[in-house]
Each structure stands twice: as structure tokens, then as C-alpha cells.
Amino acid sequence: MLGMTDPAHIDHVLAESSRHQSMHDVLGQRNIPWKAVALAFSLLAMGVFAMIAGLVIWAGDTNGSKHGMALFLLGVIVFIPGSYHSTIAYKAFMGRPGFSFSTLPDV
């Protein structure tokens, strides 16, 4: 059984502590543009909702109306920038190299 003085256990604790400290440094040193992040995730959610609603309306439409297709296409148009900016925000928040909040648009 591994004890508290086992080198593997100590390395694990230090790695976790270092990861936690680096996340704290990321959040403490950077100004996170919360409005831009909220806008990105809102666009993502609205796009998903509009695509699903458009598909449901389109599938249930027996009159030959194009309202469902129009709502689906609107959802796609909203989903694309929402997913792009949400991905950037998430990866910047997680501290992945090459991603930063400065690439998000100013709101």
C-alpha cells in the first residue's frame, strides 16, 4: 500500500497542486470578457434550439411550407459563430496553449 511518503504519491499531489495553482493564476491574472463568453454560449444555445425546432417543424409540415427549413437555416447561421467562439472561450479558460481570450470579439 502506498503511504503518504511514497514518491509517486508526492509527485501526484504536487502535480495536482501545480495544476490548481496554474488555473488560479490564469483566472487571477487574466481579465475574462464575461459578456463575450456569455454571448458565445448564448449563440450556441439559440442555434441548437433553432435547428432542433426547425427540424421538428419541417418534419411535421404537411402543407409544403418552408418555415421549418427557414428556422433550421437560421439556427445553422447562429450556431456556427456560437460554437466557434464557445470553443475558443472554453479552451482559453482551460489554459490550452494557443488560445486566449483576446481572440474573442469585444462586446
Protein backbone atom coordinates (compact mmCIF):
# COMPACT_ATOMS: atom_id res chain seq x y z
CA MET A 1 0.00 0.00 0.00
CA LEU A 2 1.24 3.44 -0.90
CA GLY A 3 1.94 5.70 2.00
CA MET A 4 1.90 9.46 2.29
CA THR A 5 5.69 9.49 1.92
CA ASP A 6 5.73 7.41 -1.26
CA PRO A 7 7.47 9.40 -4.06
CA ALA A 8 4.70 8.58 -6.55
CA HIS A 9 2.08 9.93 -4.16
CA ILE A 10 4.10 13.07 -3.51
CA ASP A 11 4.55 13.65 -7.27
CA HIS A 12 0.82 13.21 -7.79
CA VAL A 13 -0.04 15.69 -5.02
CA LEU A 14 2.46 18.23 -6.36
CA ALA A 15 1.14 17.86 -9.91
CA GLU A 16 -2.44 18.41 -8.73
CA SER A 17 -1.35 21.38 -6.63
CA SER A 18 0.56 22.82 -9.57
CA ARG A 19 -2.42 22.37 -11.90
CA HIS A 20 -4.72 24.03 -9.38
CA GLN A 21 -2.26 26.89 -8.88
CA SER A 22 -1.84 27.41 -12.63
CA MET A 23 -5.64 27.54 -13.05
CA HIS A 24 -5.79 30.07 -10.22
CA ASP A 25 -3.06 32.11 -11.93
CA VAL A 26 -4.98 32.01 -15.22
CA LEU A 27 -8.15 33.25 -13.55
CA GLY A 28 -6.37 35.74 -11.33
CA GLN A 29 -4.15 37.37 -13.94
CA ARG A 30 -6.48 37.49 -16.93
CA ASN A 31 -9.48 39.65 -17.40
CA ILE A 32 -12.09 37.26 -18.69
CA PRO A 33 -14.53 39.02 -21.05
CA TRP A 34 -17.65 37.60 -19.44
CA LYS A 35 -20.01 39.40 -21.84
CA ALA A 36 -18.29 37.90 -24.88
CA VAL A 37 -18.27 34.45 -23.28
CA ALA A 38 -21.96 34.75 -22.41
CA LEU A 39 -22.75 35.89 -25.94
CA ALA A 40 -20.82 32.96 -27.43
CA PHE A 41 -22.63 30.38 -25.31
CA SER A 42 -25.97 32.12 -25.90
CA LEU A 43 -25.48 31.95 -29.67
CA LEU A 44 -24.57 28.29 -29.33
CA ALA A 45 -27.69 27.51 -27.30
CA MET A 46 -30.00 29.54 -29.55
CA GLY A 47 -28.54 27.90 -32.64
CA VAL A 48 -29.07 24.40 -31.28
CA PHE A 49 -32.62 25.27 -30.21
CA ALA A 50 -33.48 26.82 -33.59
CA MET A 51 -32.04 23.87 -35.52
CA ILE A 52 -33.99 21.34 -33.46
CA ALA A 53 -37.20 23.38 -33.63
CA GLY A 54 -36.74 23.87 -37.38
CA LEU A 55 -36.27 20.16 -37.94
CA VAL A 56 -39.35 19.32 -35.87
CA ILE A 57 -41.47 21.88 -37.73
CA TRP A 58 -40.03 20.83 -41.08
CA ALA A 59 -40.66 17.13 -40.42
CA GLY A 60 -44.22 17.72 -39.20
CA ASP A 61 -45.15 20.09 -42.01
CA THR A 62 -47.68 18.55 -44.42
CA ASN A 63 -48.60 21.76 -46.26
CA GLY A 64 -45.32 22.14 -48.10
CA SER A 65 -44.47 25.30 -46.16
CA LYS A 66 -40.83 26.27 -45.83
CA HIS A 67 -40.99 27.79 -42.33
CA GLY A 68 -39.25 24.85 -40.71
CA MET A 69 -36.42 24.92 -43.25
CA ALA A 70 -36.01 28.67 -42.75
CA LEU A 71 -35.80 28.26 -38.97
CA PHE A 72 -33.30 25.42 -39.37
CA LEU A 73 -31.09 27.54 -41.65
CA LEU A 74 -31.30 30.45 -39.23
CA GLY A 75 -30.22 28.06 -36.48
CA VAL A 76 -27.22 26.95 -38.54
CA ILE A 77 -26.23 30.57 -39.17
CA VAL A 78 -26.39 31.33 -35.43
CA PHE A 79 -24.81 28.00 -34.37
CA ILE A 80 -21.60 28.36 -36.42
CA PRO A 81 -20.17 31.50 -34.75
CA GLY A 82 -21.54 30.41 -31.38
CA SER A 83 -19.75 27.08 -31.49
CA TYR A 84 -16.54 28.65 -32.80
CA HIS A 85 -16.33 31.31 -30.09
CA SER A 86 -17.53 28.95 -27.34
CA THR A 87 -14.72 26.56 -28.23
CA ILE A 88 -12.17 29.36 -28.07
CA ALA A 89 -13.55 30.57 -24.73
CA TYR A 90 -13.53 27.07 -23.24
CA LYS A 91 -10.00 26.27 -24.38
CA ALA A 92 -8.70 29.67 -23.22
CA PHE A 93 -10.38 29.13 -19.83
CA MET A 94 -8.74 25.71 -19.54
CA GLY A 95 -5.36 27.27 -20.33
CA ARG A 96 -4.63 25.40 -23.56
CA PRO A 97 -1.62 26.80 -25.44
CA GLY A 98 -2.51 28.90 -28.45
CA PHE A 99 -5.90 30.01 -27.14
CA SER A 100 -6.56 33.31 -25.39
CA PHE A 101 -9.49 35.50 -24.57
CA SER A 102 -8.04 38.27 -26.70
CA THR A 103 -9.33 36.48 -29.82
CA LEU A 104 -12.93 36.87 -28.68
CA PRO A 105 -14.73 39.92 -30.08
CA ASP A 106 -15.18 42.96 -27.88
CA VAL A 107 -18.74 43.40 -26.63
